[in-house]
Amino acid sequence: MSAGRRLSASLRITRGAMLIAFLEIGVSLVWMMSNTESRRLLSDWLVATPHNVWREGKVWTLFTTALIEQRFLSLLLQMFVLWSFVPTLERFWGTPRFLRFAVISSVVGAAAGTLCGLVLGQDVPIVGLDPFIYSSIVAFGIIYRRQPVQFFGVLPLTGRQLMIGILGFASLFVLLQRLWPLGAAFAGAILTTVLLLSKRWGPGILWKRWRLARMRRHLKVVRDEPEKWLN
């Protein structure tokens, strides 16, 4: 394969990432172009807030809230990450596992953020793909920790350095703005990613340990007895 074809393949967005991008762009543009009343209606039924989730029981908003980004600049940045780093993870995992990761990290992030808002008395919406985006960067930094990357095509970094730098920026943003529910959403999604990729505490490892322990409990120890002869 020529260098040009390899470059084209590496820049090509994958199916799962494209599906997520189309869904978020479509729903977000509908929200941005709607009037105030329509936005309020969409927020009531699609956006995860402490009030919607924990007081009104609209648990489905934990799944739908990732599809609405209320700020156009944030939408552009999310699309950039979906186009650049995320397809590498999908090629490594495969589309089914990648989509499961996207759903789990988004839902856990929304749940953690809204629960934090409920405890603090801040009815802050948790919207967009940011929890999933930061989870993807953490996953990239863990799996490709020594892989050289060009940040914005200019700054040479390793996968781990990229992860640390972006997490540092996100932490500083949360601390300066005091956006504690948003920080909880990021932390919940990132912690979930670390657990999913852990070789000791990952769900697959824990499941195998549980099955092994269950099998051991059902095993019977047979003691050796001397053979009995009939005279």
Protein backbone atom coordinates (compact mmCIF):
# COMPACT_ATOMS: atom_id res chain seq x y z
CA MET A 1 0.00 0.00 0.00
CA SER A 2 1.36 3.42 -0.92
CA ALA A 3 2.01 6.13 1.65
CA GLY A 4 -0.87 8.17 0.24
CA ARG A 5 -3.33 5.31 0.66
CA ARG A 6 -2.14 4.61 4.21
CA LEU A 7 -2.62 8.27 5.10
CA SER A 8 -6.09 8.28 3.56
CA ALA A 9 -7.05 5.15 5.52
CA SER A 10 -5.76 6.60 8.80
CA LEU A 11 -7.78 9.79 8.31
CA ARG A 12 -10.98 7.99 7.35
CA ILE A 13 -13.64 8.15 10.04
CA THR A 14 -15.05 4.81 11.16
CA ARG A 15 -18.68 3.70 11.07
CA GLY A 16 -19.35 3.91 14.79
CA ALA A 17 -17.73 7.33 15.14
CA MET A 18 -19.64 8.58 12.10
CA LEU A 19 -22.93 7.32 13.54
CA ILE A 20 -22.30 9.15 16.81
CA ALA A 21 -21.28 12.31 14.95
CA PHE A 22 -24.38 12.32 12.73
CA LEU A 23 -26.71 11.77 15.68
CA GLU A 24 -25.20 14.55 17.76
CA ILE A 25 -24.97 17.00 14.87
CA GLY A 26 -28.58 16.35 13.84
CA VAL A 27 -30.13 16.67 17.30
CA SER A 28 -27.89 19.59 18.31
CA LEU A 29 -28.69 21.61 15.18
CA VAL A 30 -32.39 21.04 15.75
CA TRP A 31 -31.98 22.40 19.28
CA MET A 32 -29.86 25.39 18.16
CA MET A 33 -32.33 26.40 15.43
CA SER A 34 -35.40 26.02 17.65
CA ASN A 35 -37.19 28.84 19.42
CA THR A 36 -37.22 29.26 23.19
CA GLU A 37 -40.38 27.21 23.74
CA SER A 38 -39.14 24.33 21.58
CA ARG A 39 -35.79 24.35 23.36
CA ARG A 40 -37.55 24.14 26.70
CA LEU A 41 -39.60 21.19 25.48
CA LEU A 42 -36.52 19.39 24.14
CA SER A 43 -34.65 20.05 27.38
CA ASP A 44 -37.51 18.68 29.47
CA TRP A 45 -37.57 15.38 27.58
CA LEU A 46 -34.02 14.84 26.32
CA VAL A 47 -31.58 16.62 28.67
CA ALA A 48 -30.31 15.02 31.88
CA THR A 49 -30.57 17.37 34.85
CA PRO A 50 -30.76 16.53 38.56
CA HIS A 51 -34.45 17.46 38.53
CA ASN A 52 -35.31 15.48 35.40
CA VAL A 53 -33.44 12.32 36.41
CA TRP A 54 -33.74 12.08 40.18
CA ARG A 55 -36.99 13.93 40.92
CA GLU A 56 -39.14 13.28 37.85
CA GLY A 57 -37.70 9.86 37.05
CA LYS A 58 -36.79 10.60 33.42
CA VAL A 59 -33.96 8.10 33.42
CA TRP A 60 -33.94 7.85 29.62
CA THR A 61 -32.41 11.33 29.53
CA LEU A 62 -29.18 9.71 30.77
CA PHE A 63 -28.99 8.15 27.29
CA THR A 64 -30.33 11.01 25.16
CA THR A 65 -28.53 13.94 26.77
CA ALA A 66 -25.25 13.10 25.00
CA LEU A 67 -26.92 13.87 21.66
CA ILE A 68 -27.55 17.53 22.51
CA GLU A 69 -24.68 20.01 22.53
CA GLN A 70 -25.89 23.52 23.28
CA ARG A 71 -22.70 25.36 22.27
CA PHE A 72 -21.56 25.41 18.67
CA LEU A 73 -17.85 25.72 19.49
CA SER A 74 -18.03 22.67 21.77
CA LEU A 75 -19.78 20.79 19.00
CA LEU A 76 -16.93 21.58 16.60
CA LEU A 77 -14.29 20.44 19.11
CA GLN A 78 -16.15 17.20 19.74
CA MET A 79 -16.35 16.53 16.01
CA PHE A 80 -12.60 17.10 15.74
CA VAL A 81 -11.90 14.45 18.39
CA LEU A 82 -14.41 12.07 16.79
CA TRP A 83 -12.57 12.47 13.51
CA SER A 84 -8.99 12.30 14.81
CA PHE A 85 -8.51 10.10 17.91
CA VAL A 86 -11.72 8.14 18.33
CA PRO A 87 -11.54 6.08 15.08
CA THR A 88 -8.24 4.60 16.28
CA LEU A 89 -10.03 3.13 19.29
CA GLU A 90 -12.82 1.75 17.13
CA ARG A 91 -10.34 0.04 14.81
CA PHE A 92 -8.62 -1.48 17.85
CA TRP A 93 -11.80 -2.66 19.62
CA GLY A 94 -14.21 -3.22 16.78
CA THR A 95 -17.46 -1.31 16.30
CA PRO A 96 -19.69 -3.26 18.76
CA ARG A 97 -17.31 -2.88 21.70
CA PHE A 98 -16.62 0.73 20.78
CA LEU A 99 -20.32 1.60 20.78
CA ARG A 100 -20.80 -0.14 24.13
CA PHE A 101 -17.94 1.94 25.50
CA ALA A 102 -19.53 5.13 24.15
CA VAL A 103 -22.89 4.36 25.76
CA ILE A 104 -21.45 3.25 29.11
CA SER A 105 -19.11 6.23 29.52
CA SER A 106 -21.82 8.71 28.49
CA VAL A 107 -24.48 7.25 30.78
CA VAL A 108 -22.18 6.92 33.79
CA GLY A 109 -20.91 10.47 33.26
CA ALA A 110 -24.44 11.86 33.05
CA ALA A 111 -25.50 9.90 36.14
CA ALA A 112 -22.50 11.07 38.18
CA GLY A 113 -22.93 14.69 37.11
CA THR A 114 -26.65 14.87 37.84
CA LEU A 115 -26.22 13.10 41.18
CA CYS A 116 -23.54 15.60 42.17
CA GLY A 117 -25.84 18.44 41.14
CA LEU A 118 -28.64 16.95 43.24
CA VAL A 119 -26.41 16.75 46.32
CA LEU A 120 -25.10 20.31 45.85
CA GLY A 121 -28.50 21.75 44.97
CA GLN A 122 -27.35 22.81 41.49
CA ASP A 123 -29.79 21.92 38.71
CA VAL A 124 -27.07 21.93 36.05
CA PRO A 125 -27.67 20.10 32.75
CA ILE A 126 -25.09 17.52 31.68
CA VAL A 127 -25.18 17.67 27.89
CA GLY A 128 -23.08 16.67 24.92
CA LEU A 129 -20.37 14.09 24.37
CA ASP A 130 -17.76 15.61 26.69
CA PRO A 131 -17.76 12.69 29.19
CA PHE A 132 -17.34 10.24 26.31
CA ILE A 133 -14.72 12.44 24.63
CA TYR A 134 -12.53 12.64 27.73
CA SER A 135 -13.01 8.91 28.31
CA SER A 136 -11.83 8.27 24.75
CA ILE A 137 -8.73 10.38 25.29
CA VAL A 138 -7.97 8.46 28.50
CA ALA A 139 -8.47 5.15 26.69
CA PHE A 140 -6.17 6.35 23.90
CA GLY A 141 -3.55 7.39 26.45
CA ILE A 142 -3.69 3.99 28.15
CA ILE A 143 -3.71 1.79 25.05
CA TYR A 144 -1.33 3.93 22.96
CA ARG A 145 0.68 5.45 25.79
CA ARG A 146 3.96 5.36 23.83
CA GLN A 147 2.47 6.08 20.43
CA PRO A 148 3.76 9.37 18.96
CA VAL A 149 1.00 11.76 17.92
CA GLN A 150 0.93 15.25 16.45
CA PHE A 151 -1.37 17.47 18.50
CA PHE A 152 -3.14 19.70 15.96
CA GLY A 153 -0.45 18.57 13.53
CA VAL A 154 2.18 20.73 15.27
CA LEU A 155 3.12 19.57 18.78
CA PRO A 156 4.76 16.10 18.98
CA LEU A 157 3.52 14.12 21.99
CA THR A 158 3.06 10.55 23.12
CA GLY A 159 -0.39 9.16 23.82
CA ARG A 160 0.20 9.40 27.57
CA GLN A 161 1.43 13.00 27.37
CA LEU A 162 -1.61 13.94 25.32
CA MET A 163 -3.89 12.34 27.90
CA ILE A 164 -2.21 14.09 30.84
CA GLY A 165 -2.22 17.47 29.10
CA ILE A 166 -5.89 17.37 28.15
CA LEU A 167 -6.96 16.08 31.56
CA GLY A 168 -4.96 18.86 33.19
CA PHE A 169 -6.70 21.43 31.02
CA ALA A 170 -10.13 19.95 31.82
CA SER A 171 -9.37 19.92 35.56
CA LEU A 172 -8.23 23.54 35.47
CA PHE A 173 -11.37 24.54 33.58
CA VAL A 174 -13.62 22.83 36.13
CA LEU A 175 -11.76 24.32 39.11
CA LEU A 176 -11.69 27.88 37.78
CA GLN A 177 -15.36 27.83 36.76
CA ARG A 178 -16.39 25.79 39.83
CA LEU A 179 -18.47 23.51 37.63
CA TRP A 180 -18.57 20.66 40.14
CA PRO A 181 -21.39 18.65 38.51
CA LEU A 182 -19.54 18.79 35.19
CA GLY A 183 -16.35 17.73 36.94
CA ALA A 184 -18.21 14.82 38.53
CA ALA A 185 -19.47 13.79 35.09
CA PHE A 186 -15.92 13.80 33.72
CA ALA A 187 -14.57 11.95 36.75
CA GLY A 188 -17.29 9.30 36.63
CA ALA A 189 -16.75 8.61 32.94
CA ILE A 190 -12.96 8.57 33.26
CA LEU A 191 -13.01 6.26 36.30
CA THR A 192 -15.31 3.92 34.40
CA THR A 193 -12.85 3.87 31.51
CA VAL A 194 -9.94 3.03 33.80
CA LEU A 195 -11.93 0.17 35.34
CA LEU A 196 -13.01 -1.14 31.94
CA LEU A 197 -9.40 -1.24 30.75
CA SER A 198 -7.95 -2.56 34.01
CA LYS A 199 -6.36 -6.00 33.86
CA ARG A 200 -7.23 -6.55 37.52
CA TRP A 201 -10.62 -4.90 38.04
CA GLY A 202 -12.13 -5.01 34.56
CA PRO A 203 -15.66 -6.45 34.25
CA GLY A 204 -14.43 -9.44 32.26
CA ILE A 205 -11.81 -10.29 34.88
CA LEU A 206 -14.28 -9.90 37.75
CA TRP A 207 -16.80 -12.08 35.93
CA LYS A 208 -14.23 -14.84 35.46
CA ARG A 209 -13.19 -14.62 39.11
CA TRP A 210 -16.80 -14.89 40.23
CA ARG A 211 -17.43 -17.93 38.04
CA LEU A 212 -14.24 -19.59 39.28
CA ALA A 213 -15.20 -18.96 42.92
CA ARG A 214 -18.69 -20.29 42.25
CA MET A 215 -17.28 -23.45 40.67
CA ARG A 216 -14.97 -23.98 43.63
CA ARG A 217 -17.87 -23.77 46.07
CA HIS A 218 -19.66 -26.55 44.20
CA LEU A 219 -16.67 -28.86 43.99
CA LYS A 220 -16.66 -31.82 46.35
CA VAL A 221 -13.44 -33.08 47.81
CA VAL A 222 -13.22 -36.85 47.47
CA ARG A 223 -10.95 -38.50 49.98
CA ASP A 224 -8.93 -41.51 49.05
CA GLU A 225 -10.12 -44.64 50.81
CA PRO A 226 -8.45 -48.05 50.91
CA GLU A 227 -9.90 -50.53 48.50
CA LYS A 228 -12.38 -52.95 50.02
CA TRP A 229 -12.13 -56.62 49.03
CA LEU A 230 -14.92 -59.10 49.23
CA ASN A 231 -13.78 -62.36 50.89
